[in-house]
C-alpha atoms as a PDB file:
ATOM      1  CA  MET A   1       0.089   0.150   0.103  1.00  0.00           C
ATOM      2  CA  PHE A   2       1.337   3.214  -1.126  1.00  0.00           C
ATOM      3  CA  VAL A   3       1.097   6.343   1.322  1.00  0.00           C
ATOM      4  CA  PRO A   4       2.843   9.675  -0.190  1.00  0.00           C
ATOM      5  CA  THR A   5       5.262  11.056   2.138  1.00  0.00           C
ATOM      6  CA  LYS A   6       6.042  14.217   0.157  1.00  0.00           C
ATOM      7  CA  CYS A   7       3.882  16.429  -1.990  1.00  0.00           C
ATOM      8  CA  PHE A   8       4.983  19.478  -4.116  1.00  0.00           C
ATOM      9  CA  PHE A   9       2.604  22.176  -6.142  1.00  0.00           C
ATOM     10  CA  THR A  10       3.433  22.813 -10.109  1.00  0.00           C
ATOM     11  CA  LYS A  11       1.354  24.884 -12.731  1.00  0.00           C
ATOM     12  CA  GLY A  12       1.524  25.325 -16.324  1.00  0.00           C
ATOM     13  CA  VAL A  13      -0.360  26.720 -19.497  1.00  0.00           C
ATOM     14  CA  GLY A  14       0.063  25.414 -22.944  1.00  0.00           C
ATOM     15  CA  VAL A  15      -1.351  26.612 -26.402  1.00  0.00           C
ATOM     16  CA  SER A  16      -1.841  24.588 -29.563  1.00  0.00           C
ATOM     17  CA  LYS A  17      -4.091  23.923 -32.545  1.00  0.00           C
ATOM     18  CA  ASP A  18      -5.047  20.715 -30.887  1.00  0.00           C
ATOM     19  CA  ARG A  19      -6.649  20.166 -27.695  1.00  0.00           C
ATOM     20  CA  LEU A  20      -4.471  17.426 -26.222  1.00  0.00           C
ATOM     21  CA  ALA A  21      -1.110  18.979 -27.707  1.00  0.00           C
ATOM     22  CA  SER A  22      -2.210  22.239 -25.709  1.00  0.00           C
ATOM     23  CA  PHE A  23      -2.721  19.947 -22.542  1.00  0.00           C
ATOM     24  CA  GLU A  24       0.721  18.275 -23.216  1.00  0.00           C
ATOM     25  CA  LEU A  25       2.511  21.620 -23.563  1.00  0.00           C
ATOM     26  CA  ALA A  26       1.007  22.555 -20.016  1.00  0.00           C
ATOM     27  CA  LEU A  27       2.260  19.464 -18.456  1.00  0.00           C
ATOM     28  CA  ARG A  28       5.600  20.515 -19.842  1.00  0.00           C
ATOM     29  CA  LYS A  29       5.618  23.780 -18.343  1.00  0.00           C
ATOM     30  CA  ALA A  30       4.687  22.366 -15.056  1.00  0.00           C
ATOM     31  CA  GLY A  31       7.583  19.754 -15.583  1.00  0.00           C
ATOM     32  CA  ILE A  32       5.610  16.515 -15.354  1.00  0.00           C
ATOM     33  CA  GLU A  33       4.855  15.682 -18.841  1.00  0.00           C
ATOM     34  CA  LYS A  34       7.199  12.427 -18.511  1.00  0.00           C
ATOM     35  CA  LEU A  35       5.126  10.643 -16.040  1.00  0.00           C
ATOM     36  CA  ASN A  36       2.023   8.429 -15.950  1.00  0.00           C
ATOM     37  CA  LEU A  37      -0.492  10.330 -14.006  1.00  0.00           C
ATOM     38  CA  VAL A  38      -3.062   8.894 -12.064  1.00  0.00           C
ATOM     39  CA  TYR A  39      -6.012  11.318 -10.532  1.00  0.00           C
ATOM     40  CA  VAL A  40      -6.661  10.870  -6.951  1.00  0.00           C
ATOM     41  CA  SER A  41      -9.123  12.175  -4.750  1.00  0.00           C
ATOM     42  CA  SER A  42      -8.818  15.298  -2.248  1.00  0.00           C
ATOM     43  CA  ILE A  43      -7.163  13.719   0.882  1.00  0.00           C
ATOM     44  CA  PHE A  44      -3.741  15.100   1.876  1.00  0.00           C
ATOM     45  CA  PRO A  45      -1.999  12.079   3.849  1.00  0.00           C
ATOM     46  CA  PRO A  46      -1.246  12.402   7.468  1.00  0.00           C
ATOM     47  CA  ASN A  47       2.508  12.961   7.904  1.00  0.00           C
ATOM     48  CA  CYS A  48       3.296  14.157   4.249  1.00  0.00           C
ATOM     49  CA  LYS A  49       5.313  17.001   3.850  1.00  0.00           C
ATOM     50  CA  LEU A  50       5.277  20.056   1.305  1.00  0.00           C
ATOM     51  CA  ILE A  51       8.300  20.342  -0.686  1.00  0.00           C
ATOM     52  CA  THR A  52       9.244  22.690  -3.264  1.00  0.00           C
ATOM     53  CA  VAL A  53       8.556  22.451  -6.963  1.00  0.00           C
ATOM     54  CA  GLU A  54      12.299  22.288  -7.449  1.00  0.00           C
ATOM     55  CA  ASP A  55      12.905  19.665  -5.268  1.00  0.00           C
ATOM     56  CA  GLY A  56      10.041  17.642  -6.143  1.00  0.00           C
ATOM     57  CA  LEU A  57      10.851  17.654 -10.124  1.00  0.00           C
ATOM     58  CA  LYS A  58      14.523  16.407  -9.050  1.00  0.00           C
ATOM     59  CA  GLN A  59      12.976  13.264  -7.610  1.00  0.00           C
ATOM     60  CA  LEU A  60      10.854  12.432 -10.532  1.00  0.00           C
ATOM     61  CA  GLN A  61      11.853   9.509 -13.263  1.00  0.00           C
ATOM     62  CA  ALA A  62      10.676   9.213 -16.872  1.00  0.00           C
ATOM     63  CA  GLY A  63       7.373   6.714 -17.107  1.00  0.00           C
ATOM     64  CA  ARG A  64       6.933   6.781 -13.014  1.00  0.00           C
ATOM     65  CA  ILE A  65       3.177   6.236 -11.918  1.00  0.00           C
ATOM     66  CA  THR A  66       2.581   9.363 -10.147  1.00  0.00           C
ATOM     67  CA  TYR A  67      -0.737  10.273  -8.191  1.00  0.00           C
ATOM     68  CA  VAL A  68      -2.093  13.622  -8.568  1.00  0.00           C
ATOM     69  CA  VAL A  69      -4.786  15.904  -7.685  1.00  0.00           C
ATOM     70  CA  MET A  70      -5.298  18.217 -10.963  1.00  0.00           C
ATOM     71  CA  ALA A  71      -7.227  21.018 -11.861  1.00  0.00           C
ATOM     72  CA  ARG A  72      -7.624  21.546 -15.543  1.00  0.00           C
ATOM     73  CA  ASN A  73      -9.416  24.006 -17.715  1.00  0.00           C
ATOM     74  CA  GLU A  74      -9.368  24.698 -21.361  1.00  0.00           C
ATOM     75  CA  THR A  75     -10.780  26.834 -24.304  1.00  0.00           C
ATOM     76  CA  ASN A  76     -10.322  27.611 -27.669  1.00  0.00           C
ATOM     77  CA  GLU A  77     -12.460  30.926 -27.494  1.00  0.00           C
ATOM     78  CA  PRO A  78     -10.407  33.885 -28.013  1.00  0.00           C
ATOM     79  CA  ASN A  79      -9.692  36.097 -25.005  1.00  0.00           C
ATOM     80  CA  ARG A  80     -12.047  33.864 -22.735  1.00  0.00           C
ATOM     81  CA  LEU A  81     -10.164  33.867 -19.121  1.00  0.00           C
ATOM     82  CA  VAL A  82      -9.820  30.159 -17.874  1.00  0.00           C
ATOM     83  CA  SER A  83      -8.411  29.288 -14.554  1.00  0.00           C
ATOM     84  CA  SER A  84      -7.417  26.173 -12.783  1.00  0.00           C
ATOM     85  CA  ALA A  85      -6.605  25.913  -9.045  1.00  0.00           C
ATOM     86  CA  VAL A  86      -5.758  23.298  -6.437  1.00  0.00           C
ATOM     87  CA  GLY A  87      -6.428  24.365  -2.554  1.00  0.00           C
ATOM     88  CA  LEU A  88      -5.029  22.712   0.393  1.00  0.00           C
ATOM     89  CA  ALA A  89      -5.945  22.916   4.219  1.00  0.00           C
ATOM     90  CA  LEU A  90      -3.375  21.042   6.883  1.00  0.00           C
ATOM     91  CA  PRO A  91      -4.796  20.356  10.060  1.00  0.00           C
ATOM     92  CA  ARG A  92      -2.475  21.570  13.142  1.00  0.00           C
ATOM     93  CA  ASP A  93      -1.565  17.895  14.088  1.00  0.00           C
ATOM     94  CA  CYS A  94       0.347  16.341  10.878  1.00  0.00           C
ATOM     95  CA  LYS A  95      -0.813  12.944  12.190  1.00  0.00           C
ATOM     96  CA  GLU A  96      -4.298  13.629  10.799  1.00  0.00           C
ATOM     97  CA  TYR A  97      -5.194  14.176   7.264  1.00  0.00           C
ATOM     98  CA  GLY A  98      -5.968  17.134   5.436  1.00  0.00           C
ATOM     99  CA  TYR A  99      -8.011  18.380   2.219  1.00  0.00           C
ATOM    100  CA  LEU A 100      -6.988  19.341  -1.199  1.00  0.00           C
ATOM    101  CA  SER A 101      -9.830  20.629  -3.429  1.00  0.00           C
ATOM    102  CA  GLU A 102      -9.750  21.373  -7.464  1.00  0.00           C
ATOM    103  CA  HIS A 103     -11.819  24.312  -8.889  1.00  0.00           C
ATOM    104  CA  HIS A 104     -11.760  25.078 -12.506  1.00  0.00           C
ATOM    105  CA  ALA A 105     -13.425  28.589 -13.886  1.00  0.00           C
ATOM    106  CA  PHE A 106     -14.084  30.610 -16.827  1.00  0.00           C
ATOM    107  CA  GLY A 107     -14.211  34.319 -16.243  1.00  0.00           C
ATOM    108  CA  GLU A 108     -12.670  34.282 -12.548  1.00  0.00           C
ATOM    109  CA  THR A 109      -9.283  36.107 -12.065  1.00  0.00           C
ATOM    110  CA  LYS A 110      -6.388  34.097 -10.586  1.00  0.00           C
ATOM    111  CA  GLU A 111      -6.744  35.557  -7.347  1.00  0.00           C
ATOM    112  CA  LYS A 112     -10.442  34.719  -7.129  1.00  0.00           C
ATOM    113  CA  SER A 113     -10.117  31.022  -8.355  1.00  0.00           C
ATOM    114  CA  GLY A 114      -7.088  30.610  -6.102  1.00  0.00           C
ATOM    115  CA  GLU A 115      -9.244  31.547  -2.929  1.00  0.00           C
ATOM    116  CA  TYR A 116     -12.144  29.676  -3.857  1.00  0.00           C
ATOM    117  CA  ALA A 117     -10.109  26.401  -4.112  1.00  0.00           C
ATOM    118  CA  GLU A 118      -8.472  27.298  -0.777  1.00  0.00           C
ATOM    119  CA  ASP A 119     -11.720  28.058   1.019  1.00  0.00           C
ATOM    120  CA  LEU A 120     -13.092  24.791  -0.310  1.00  0.00           C
ATOM    121  CA  ALA A 121     -10.332  22.777   1.031  1.00  0.00           C
ATOM    122  CA  ALA A 122     -10.381  24.686   4.617  1.00  0.00           C
ATOM    123  CA  THR A 123     -14.097  24.284   4.702  1.00  0.00           C
ATOM    124  CA  MET A 124     -13.989  20.427   4.004  1.00  0.00           C
ATOM    125  CA  LEU A 125     -11.259  20.225   6.625  1.00  0.00           C
ATOM    126  CA  ALA A 126     -13.161  22.237   9.197  1.00  0.00           C
ATOM    127  CA  THR A 127     -16.314  20.257   9.082  1.00  0.00           C
ATOM    128  CA  THR A 128     -14.460  17.085   9.728  1.00  0.00           C
ATOM    129  CA  LEU A 129     -12.867  18.843  12.529  1.00  0.00           C
ATOM    130  CA  GLY A 130     -16.053  19.860  13.981  1.00  0.00           C
ATOM    131  CA  ILE A 131     -15.534  23.717  13.774  1.00  0.00           C
ATOM    132  CA  GLU A 132     -18.680  25.597  13.741  1.00  0.00           C
ATOM    133  CA  PHE A 133     -18.879  28.384  11.276  1.00  0.00           C
ATOM    134  CA  ASP A 134     -21.602  29.890   8.915  1.00  0.00           C
ATOM    135  CA  PRO A 135     -21.197  28.769   5.476  1.00  0.00           C
ATOM    136  CA  ASN A 136     -22.622  31.730   3.917  1.00  0.00           C
ATOM    137  CA  SER A 137     -19.879  34.044   5.539  1.00  0.00           C
ATOM    138  CA  ALA A 138     -17.112  35.415   3.350  1.00  0.00           C
ATOM    139  CA  TRP A 139     -13.898  33.526   3.194  1.00  0.00           C
ATOM    140  CA  GLN A 140     -11.924  35.839   5.002  1.00  0.00           C
ATOM    141  CA  GLU A 141     -14.082  35.604   7.997  1.00  0.00           C
ATOM    142  CA  ARG A 142     -14.168  31.999   8.194  1.00  0.00           C
ATOM    143  CA  GLU A 143     -10.397  31.658   7.347  1.00  0.00           C
ATOM    144  CA  GLN A 144      -9.989  33.874  10.723  1.00  0.00           C
ATOM    145  CA  ILE A 145     -12.539  31.291  12.456  1.00  0.00           C
ATOM    146  CA  TYR A 146     -10.466  28.335  11.103  1.00  0.00           C
ATOM    147  CA  LYS A 147      -7.225  29.536  12.239  1.00  0.00           C
ATOM    148  CA  ALA A 148      -8.642  30.784  15.474  1.00  0.00           C
ATOM    149  CA  SER A 149      -9.975  27.410  16.350  1.00  0.00           C
ATOM    150  CA  GLY A 150      -6.690  26.266  16.933  1.00  0.00           C
ATOM    151  CA  LYS A 151      -7.299  22.904  14.741  1.00  0.00           C
ATOM    152  CA  ILE A 152      -6.290  24.473  11.207  1.00  0.00           C
ATOM    153  CA  PHE A 153      -2.752  24.903  10.747  1.00  0.00           C
ATOM    154  CA  LYS A 154      -2.208  25.951   7.388  1.00  0.00           C
ATOM    155  CA  SER A 155      -4.181  26.599   4.052  1.00  0.00           C
ATOM    156  CA  THR A 156      -2.844  27.592   0.651  1.00  0.00           C
ATOM    157  CA  HIS A 157      -3.500  27.427  -3.034  1.00  0.00           C
ATOM    158  CA  ILE A 158      -1.764  27.188  -6.534  1.00  0.00           C
ATOM    159  CA  CYS A 159      -3.459  28.420  -9.620  1.00  0.00           C
ATOM    160  CA  GLN A 160      -3.023  28.993 -13.262  1.00  0.00           C
ATOM    161  CA  SER A 161      -5.045  31.293 -15.293  1.00  0.00           C
ATOM    162  CA  ALA A 162      -4.317  32.558 -18.856  1.00  0.00           C
ATOM    163  CA  GLU A 163      -6.630  34.245 -21.818  1.00  0.00           C
ATOM    164  CA  GLY A 164      -7.714  32.002 -24.591  1.00  0.00           C
ATOM    165  CA  ASP A 165      -5.110  32.322 -27.789  1.00  0.00           C
ATOM    166  CA  LYS A 166      -6.477  35.579 -29.641  1.00  0.00           C
ATOM    167  CA  ASN A 167      -6.445  33.417 -32.898  1.00  0.00           C
ATOM    168  CA  GLY A 168      -8.565  30.500 -31.401  1.00  0.00           C
ATOM    169  CA  LEU A 169      -5.763  27.840 -30.592  1.00  0.00           C
ATOM    170  CA  TRP A 170      -6.492  25.627 -27.606  1.00  0.00           C
ATOM    171  CA  THR A 171      -5.440  27.185 -24.333  1.00  0.00           C
ATOM    172  CA  THR A 172      -5.094  24.585 -21.418  1.00  0.00           C
ATOM    173  CA  VAL A 173      -4.370  25.745 -18.025  1.00  0.00           C
ATOM    174  CA  ILE A 174      -3.446  23.213 -14.749  1.00  0.00           C
ATOM    175  CA  ALA A 175      -2.584  23.412 -11.383  1.00  0.00           C
ATOM    176  CA  VAL A 176      -1.635  20.230  -9.771  1.00  0.00           C
ATOM    177  CA  ALA A 177      -0.391  18.874  -6.336  1.00  0.00           C
ATOM    178  CA  VAL A 178       1.876  15.838  -7.199  1.00  0.00           C
ATOM    179  CA  PHE A 179       2.378  13.071  -4.700  1.00  0.00           C
ATOM    180  CA  LEU A 180       5.710  11.046  -4.232  1.00  0.00           C
END
């Protein structure tokens, strides 16, 4: 049984006349094109350490089966804003699991999509930790409640956004949590 001990975030954007080639170019920008990617759901394993993208990329080997949580979005509409984000929320106790979330949007800024993904991960973690909050309150207000509870240690996100190619080529954006 494989339980990841390390994780890093990466992102990329690709543009091509072909949808698949656009995705491949986004993977290249992210540095993970040489891997066999397996999509997994949103649990950040207990005792898993966040490492830098530089350290993570050094540990990869071509052809490796690699587990990822990936947000992906694409468009071939000129100037259409696309974004993909992965949010992370970690409990104070590293022996407990955290949450990752994926968010894919059209027309949202990088900041809005990133905060949305982070909010989603933190909200999922807060509900499992029994933190009481108003789900209709603003993210900044809930973020303070989560952190004040002493149960959530950290929340963060990675986001990639881009405008669709002006000539109608496929534009793909990805944000990825890569497990090692």
